[in-house]
Amino acid sequence: MKICSLLPSGTEILFALGLGDQVAGVSDLCDFPAEARFKPVVSRSKVDPSVMSSDEVEAAMIDILTRGDNPFELDQEWLVRESPDVILTQDLCHVCEVDAGQVTGVVAGMDVQPEIVVLQPKTFEGVLDSFLQIGLACGAETEANEAIAEIRQRVRSIQDKLPAAAHWPRVFSIEGINPLVLGGHWIPDLLELAGGNQDLLPSGSAAKRLEWGEVHDYNPDKLFVDLCSSDLARNLREVPWLESQEGWRNMTCVQNGEVYLIDHSYFSRPGPRTIEGLEILAQLTHPDLFNGLVPRNAVVKLDVQRYEGRPDGEISDAFSPYY
């Protein structure tokens, strides 16, 4: 079978199910596992967030959409020539990956129509359903069910250790800075499954734009900054904007050093590493109960002693590796 995956989460699921050798094409964002980087690139983003600030990405996307253009370039010639049996795409975010509408239009004239699998998980359970969707389409149903069972067991191992909900800290997850975006879809599930108290968004809700005052007034015990499509380096470049907002230094999470910057790949890619994202949150939320769940180079933490007395604009230098 020849499979084309146009989204990183789909690619990660395919490799997790043992289908990596059948992956014939990927998007330019498919960089995990390492083998995926050597696959032919079929889809490319016209906006590169790795070298742009949040406001620059916002402006570029607005410009593209205002012109009626598409944020992604899809290699129609490759698709027609290679004629994959299955194409994985999504219909959840037109900013993050190429969407189903664009794919359908490109393959409409192909002699042999591929099976288009549209992934659109909106909850943690929806993420697990994606495994089964791919497994059914690609002849790996057994492997999909085994992967789901393993993930559920890892969730149970966390749930069994959590204290009563009355003792959960107030948490807040930011997936966008300038503009500010509150993490939605499966993120509220992860926060709650990890033992965090959050009542801003119900499970499955779309990510929400908000004003700084809403973050300040919520005054979380722990603040997680996991900017979509951002590694730690970009998170560190963006966090000075938060520091510049009124009342930042007076927030509980800042004064207690409970501000964490986390690599986005554990949260914005709803696939095999989502369970690692949950485990990361569990340890950061309840460090007295969990250890060894945070991968190296995945999290940096605000160091209160290094930050105290430091002038505004230098907050990035006050973060230390979690390990």
Protein backbone atom coordinates (compact mmCIF):
# COMPACT_ATOMS: atom_id res chain seq x y z
CA MET A 1 0.00 0.00 0.00
CA LYS A 2 1.16 3.53 -0.82
CA ILE A 3 0.21 6.16 1.76
CA CYS A 4 0.56 9.96 1.61
CA SER A 5 0.34 11.84 4.91
CA LEU A 6 -0.20 15.58 4.74
CA LEU A 7 -0.11 16.21 8.48
CA PRO A 8 2.51 15.49 11.16
CA SER A 9 0.12 13.75 13.55
CA GLY A 10 -0.97 11.35 10.82
CA THR A 11 2.63 10.60 9.94
CA GLU A 12 3.48 9.91 13.57
CA ILE A 13 0.51 7.55 13.91
CA LEU A 14 1.50 5.68 10.73
CA PHE A 15 5.01 5.05 12.04
CA ALA A 16 3.65 4.07 15.46
CA LEU A 17 1.47 1.44 13.77
CA GLY A 18 4.43 0.01 11.88
CA LEU A 19 3.41 1.49 8.53
CA GLY A 20 6.42 3.76 8.03
CA ASP A 21 7.74 1.80 5.07
CA GLN A 22 4.45 2.38 3.25
CA VAL A 23 4.58 6.17 3.65
CA ALA A 24 5.37 7.54 0.19
CA GLY A 25 4.93 11.26 0.77
CA VAL A 26 4.63 13.74 3.64
CA SER A 27 4.31 17.45 4.40
CA ASP A 28 7.28 19.69 5.14
CA LEU A 29 6.15 19.75 8.79
CA CYS A 30 6.47 15.97 9.19
CA ASP A 31 9.76 15.73 11.09
CA PHE A 32 9.08 12.91 13.56
CA PRO A 33 10.21 10.20 13.77
CA ALA A 34 13.53 10.99 12.12
CA GLU A 35 12.80 8.62 9.22
CA ALA A 36 9.92 10.84 8.14
CA ARG A 37 12.36 13.58 7.18
CA PHE A 38 13.67 11.47 4.32
CA LYS A 39 10.28 10.99 2.66
CA PRO A 40 9.32 13.05 -0.43
CA VAL A 41 7.66 16.34 0.55
CA VAL A 42 4.26 16.75 -1.11
CA SER A 43 2.90 19.74 0.82
CA ARG A 44 4.70 22.91 1.88
CA SER A 45 3.58 25.76 4.09
CA LYS A 46 3.94 29.31 2.77
CA VAL A 47 4.48 30.59 6.33
CA ASP A 48 7.44 29.48 8.44
CA PRO A 49 6.70 30.10 12.14
CA SER A 50 10.16 28.91 13.14
CA VAL A 51 11.70 32.18 11.90
CA MET A 52 8.77 34.54 12.51
CA SER A 53 7.18 36.06 15.59
CA SER A 54 3.54 35.41 16.43
CA ASP A 55 2.39 38.79 15.16
CA GLU A 56 4.34 38.26 11.92
CA VAL A 57 2.71 34.87 11.41
CA GLU A 58 -0.68 36.43 12.09
CA ALA A 59 -0.09 39.19 9.55
CA ALA A 60 1.17 36.75 6.91
CA MET A 61 -1.82 34.44 7.34
CA ILE A 62 -4.28 37.33 7.16
CA ASP A 63 -2.61 38.54 3.96
CA ILE A 64 -2.77 35.09 2.34
CA LEU A 65 -6.40 34.49 3.27
CA THR A 66 -7.46 38.02 2.31
CA ARG A 67 -6.05 37.43 -1.15
CA GLY A 68 -8.09 34.23 -1.38
CA ASP A 69 -4.90 32.21 -1.52
CA ASN A 70 -4.13 28.94 0.27
CA PRO A 71 -1.48 28.77 3.02
CA PHE A 72 -0.13 25.51 1.58
CA GLU A 73 1.31 24.40 -1.74
CA LEU A 74 0.24 20.89 -2.71
CA ASP A 75 2.27 18.98 -5.32
CA GLN A 76 -0.50 17.88 -7.67
CA GLU A 77 2.00 16.47 -10.18
CA TRP A 78 3.42 14.12 -7.55
CA LEU A 79 -0.02 12.97 -6.45
CA VAL A 80 -1.11 12.17 -10.00
CA ARG A 81 2.18 10.44 -10.84
CA GLU A 82 2.47 8.37 -7.65
CA SER A 83 -1.29 7.74 -7.23
CA PRO A 84 -1.28 6.87 -3.51
CA ASP A 85 -3.90 4.45 -2.23
CA VAL A 86 -4.59 6.50 0.91
CA ILE A 87 -4.15 10.21 1.66
CA LEU A 88 -4.30 11.49 5.22
CA THR A 89 -5.48 15.05 5.68
CA GLN A 90 -7.42 17.11 8.23
CA ASP A 91 -10.36 19.44 8.51
CA LEU A 92 -9.67 21.04 11.87
CA CYS A 93 -7.30 23.99 11.31
CA HIS A 94 -6.58 25.65 7.96
CA VAL A 95 -3.55 27.34 9.50
CA CYS A 96 -1.72 24.26 10.79
CA GLU A 97 -1.91 21.83 7.85
CA VAL A 98 -3.40 21.48 4.38
CA ASP A 99 -7.13 20.82 4.69
CA ALA A 100 -9.48 18.26 3.15
CA GLY A 101 -11.06 20.75 0.75
CA GLN A 102 -7.78 21.51 -0.99
CA VAL A 103 -6.89 17.81 -1.24
CA THR A 104 -10.28 16.88 -2.67
CA GLY A 105 -9.95 19.52 -5.35
CA VAL A 106 -6.50 18.33 -6.37
CA VAL A 107 -7.34 14.62 -6.66
CA ALA A 108 -10.72 15.10 -8.33
CA GLY A 109 -9.30 14.48 -11.80
CA MET A 110 -7.18 11.44 -10.96
CA ASP A 111 -7.95 8.24 -12.86
CA VAL A 112 -7.84 6.15 -9.70
CA GLN A 113 -9.35 7.89 -6.72
CA PRO A 114 -7.40 7.45 -3.45
CA GLU A 115 -9.16 6.95 -0.15
CA ILE A 116 -9.03 10.27 1.66
CA VAL A 117 -8.95 9.91 5.44
CA VAL A 118 -9.93 13.14 7.17
CA LEU A 119 -8.70 13.43 10.75
CA GLN A 120 -10.41 16.02 12.92
CA PRO A 121 -9.98 15.07 16.59
CA LYS A 122 -11.46 17.59 18.99
CA THR A 123 -11.06 15.71 22.27
CA PHE A 124 -8.60 13.25 23.78
CA GLU A 125 -10.96 10.44 22.85
CA GLY A 126 -11.01 11.87 19.33
CA VAL A 127 -7.21 11.58 19.21
CA LEU A 128 -7.52 7.88 20.01
CA ASP A 129 -10.19 7.50 17.35
CA SER A 130 -7.67 8.82 14.80
CA PHE A 131 -5.52 5.76 15.43
CA LEU A 132 -8.45 3.53 14.56
CA GLN A 133 -9.39 5.59 11.50
CA ILE A 134 -5.91 5.15 10.11
CA GLY A 135 -5.69 1.52 11.15
CA LEU A 136 -8.93 0.67 9.36
CA ALA A 137 -7.93 2.49 6.18
CA CYS A 138 -4.41 1.08 6.07
CA GLY A 139 -4.90 -2.53 7.14
CA ALA A 140 -3.56 -2.11 10.66
CA GLU A 141 -6.69 -2.34 12.82
CA THR A 142 -5.09 -4.76 15.29
CA GLU A 143 -2.04 -2.53 15.73
CA ALA A 144 -4.30 0.50 16.21
CA ASN A 145 -6.31 -1.19 18.95
CA GLU A 146 -3.11 -2.28 20.68
CA ALA A 147 -1.75 1.26 20.57
CA ILE A 148 -5.00 2.64 21.99
CA ALA A 149 -4.98 0.05 24.80
CA GLU A 150 -1.43 1.00 25.75
CA ILE A 151 -2.31 4.71 25.85
CA ARG A 152 -5.37 4.03 28.03
CA GLN A 153 -3.19 2.09 30.45
CA ARG A 154 -0.77 5.02 30.73
CA VAL A 155 -3.72 7.32 31.42
CA ARG A 156 -4.95 4.98 34.17
CA SER A 157 -1.53 4.93 35.79
CA ILE A 158 -1.79 8.70 36.17
CA GLN A 159 -5.40 8.75 37.30
CA ASP A 160 -4.73 6.20 40.02
CA LYS A 161 -2.21 8.51 41.72
CA LEU A 162 -4.09 11.81 41.60
CA PRO A 163 -5.44 13.36 44.80
CA ALA A 164 -9.05 14.46 45.21
CA ALA A 165 -10.03 17.24 42.79
CA ALA A 166 -10.32 19.69 45.67
CA HIS A 167 -6.52 19.62 45.91
CA TRP A 168 -5.83 20.27 42.23
CA PRO A 169 -4.00 23.53 41.37
CA ARG A 170 -5.50 26.09 39.00
CA VAL A 171 -3.81 25.76 35.62
CA PHE A 172 -3.76 27.75 32.40
CA SER A 173 -2.42 26.75 28.97
CA ILE A 174 -1.41 29.36 26.39
CA GLU A 175 -0.92 28.18 22.82
CA GLY A 176 -0.57 31.62 21.24
CA ILE A 177 1.07 34.92 22.22
CA ASN A 178 0.29 38.25 20.59
CA PRO A 179 -2.49 37.44 19.89
CA LEU A 180 -3.14 35.46 23.05
CA VAL A 181 -4.78 32.09 22.48
CA LEU A 182 -6.12 29.72 25.12
CA GLY A 183 -5.45 26.08 24.23
CA GLY A 184 -8.61 24.28 23.12
CA HIS A 185 -9.88 21.00 21.63
CA TRP A 186 -8.07 18.17 23.48
CA ILE A 187 -5.97 20.51 25.67
CA PRO A 188 -8.70 20.95 28.34
CA ASP A 189 -8.87 17.14 28.54
CA LEU A 190 -5.11 16.86 29.04
CA LEU A 191 -5.11 19.52 31.75
CA GLU A 192 -7.87 17.76 33.67
CA LEU A 193 -6.56 14.23 33.14
CA ALA A 194 -3.25 15.49 34.56
CA GLY A 195 -4.97 16.73 37.71
CA GLY A 196 -5.26 20.39 36.86
CA ASN A 197 -8.24 22.58 37.72
CA GLN A 198 -9.42 24.61 34.72
CA ASP A 199 -12.93 25.83 34.06
CA LEU A 200 -12.37 28.20 31.15
CA LEU A 201 -13.06 25.84 28.25
CA PRO A 202 -15.03 22.58 28.13
CA SER A 203 -13.60 19.57 26.35
CA GLY A 204 -13.67 19.84 22.57
CA SER A 205 -13.99 23.63 22.44
CA ALA A 206 -12.09 25.49 19.75
CA ALA A 207 -9.04 27.44 20.86
CA LYS A 208 -10.11 30.83 22.18
CA ARG A 209 -8.56 34.25 21.68
CA LEU A 210 -8.55 36.36 24.80
CA GLU A 211 -7.30 39.57 26.33
CA TRP A 212 -4.40 39.72 28.77
CA GLY A 213 -6.74 40.85 31.55
CA GLU A 214 -8.49 37.48 31.41
CA VAL A 215 -5.22 35.66 32.07
CA HIS A 216 -4.24 38.04 34.86
CA ASP A 217 -7.64 37.86 36.54
CA TYR A 218 -7.67 34.06 36.37
CA ASN A 219 -4.32 34.15 38.21
CA PRO A 220 -3.39 30.48 37.78
CA ASP A 221 -1.19 28.56 40.16
CA LYS A 222 0.65 27.12 37.17
CA LEU A 223 1.05 28.60 33.70
CA PHE A 224 1.93 26.37 30.75
CA VAL A 225 3.13 28.06 27.57
CA ASP A 226 3.09 25.56 24.70
CA LEU A 227 2.84 27.72 21.62
CA CYS A 228 1.43 25.97 18.56
CA SER A 229 4.14 25.10 16.00
CA SER A 230 6.85 26.35 18.35
CA ASP A 231 9.88 24.71 19.87
CA LEU A 232 11.50 25.95 23.07
CA ALA A 233 13.67 28.45 21.23
CA ARG A 234 10.62 30.23 19.79
CA ASN A 235 8.79 30.05 23.12
CA LEU A 236 11.74 31.83 24.73
CA ARG A 237 11.66 34.52 22.04
CA GLU A 238 7.95 35.10 22.61
CA VAL A 239 7.72 35.09 26.41
CA PRO A 240 9.01 38.70 26.86
CA TRP A 241 5.66 39.84 25.47
CA LEU A 242 3.94 38.24 28.46
CA GLU A 243 6.38 39.96 30.81
CA SER A 244 5.51 43.33 29.28
CA GLN A 245 1.84 42.98 30.25
CA GLU A 246 0.45 44.82 33.25
CA GLY A 247 0.58 42.87 36.50
CA TRP A 248 2.74 40.05 35.15
CA ARG A 249 5.21 40.00 38.04
CA ASN A 250 2.41 40.00 40.61
CA MET A 251 0.79 36.80 39.35
CA THR A 252 0.92 33.78 41.65
CA CYS A 253 2.53 31.53 39.06
CA VAL A 254 5.29 34.07 38.38
CA GLN A 255 6.08 34.75 42.02
CA ASN A 256 6.25 31.01 42.73
CA GLY A 257 8.25 30.13 39.63
CA GLU A 258 5.43 28.00 38.24
CA VAL A 259 5.74 29.17 34.63
CA TYR A 260 6.72 26.47 32.18
CA LEU A 261 7.58 26.65 28.48
CA ILE A 262 6.94 23.34 26.73
CA ASP A 263 7.83 22.03 23.27
CA HIS A 264 4.63 22.19 21.20
CA SER A 265 5.03 18.77 19.59
CA TYR A 266 3.55 17.06 22.65
CA PHE A 267 0.35 19.10 22.37
CA SER A 268 -0.33 20.46 18.88
CA ARG A 269 0.15 17.10 17.16
CA PRO A 270 -2.74 14.83 18.18
CA GLY A 271 -1.01 11.49 17.83
CA PRO A 272 1.29 9.07 19.70
CA ARG A 273 3.08 11.81 21.65
CA THR A 274 -0.14 13.25 23.07
CA ILE A 275 0.11 10.75 25.92
CA GLU A 276 3.61 12.08 26.59
CA GLY A 277 2.10 15.55 26.75
CA LEU A 278 -0.34 14.31 29.36
CA GLU A 279 2.47 12.73 31.37
CA ILE A 280 4.50 15.95 31.18
CA LEU A 281 1.54 17.93 32.49
CA ALA A 282 0.95 15.39 35.27
CA GLN A 283 4.51 15.79 36.57
CA LEU A 284 4.51 19.58 36.26
CA THR A 285 1.10 19.79 37.95
CA HIS A 286 1.87 17.28 40.72
CA PRO A 287 5.67 17.02 41.05
CA ASP A 288 5.25 15.41 44.45
CA LEU A 289 3.47 12.44 42.86
CA PHE A 290 5.24 11.94 39.53
CA ASN A 291 8.81 11.87 38.32
CA GLY A 292 10.69 10.70 35.26
CA LEU A 293 7.84 11.64 32.91
CA VAL A 294 9.35 14.79 31.39
CA PRO A 295 11.68 14.12 28.43
CA ARG A 296 14.96 15.99 28.39
CA ASN A 297 14.93 19.27 26.46
CA ALA A 298 11.13 19.34 26.46
CA VAL A 299 10.49 21.89 29.24
CA VAL A 300 12.11 24.96 30.74
CA LYS A 301 10.97 26.47 34.05
CA LEU A 302 11.09 30.03 35.36
CA ASP A 303 13.82 30.31 37.99
CA VAL A 304 12.56 32.79 40.60
CA GLN A 305 16.00 33.50 42.05
CA ARG A 306 17.47 34.27 38.63
CA TYR A 307 14.43 36.37 37.70
CA GLU A 308 14.25 38.43 40.89
CA GLY A 309 15.67 41.88 40.34
CA ARG A 310 16.26 41.24 36.65
CA PRO A 311 15.07 44.17 34.47
CA ASP A 312 12.14 43.73 32.10
CA GLY A 313 13.13 42.34 28.75
CA GLU A 314 15.52 39.74 30.14
CA ILE A 315 13.02 37.13 31.30
CA SER A 316 14.17 34.62 28.68
CA ASP A 317 17.49 34.35 30.51
CA ALA A 318 15.70 33.42 33.73
CA PHE A 319 14.41 30.06 32.45
CA SER A 320 16.29 26.86 33.21
CA PRO A 321 15.92 23.33 31.81
CA TYR A 322 13.45 21.35 33.88
CA TYR A 323 16.15 18.75 34.31
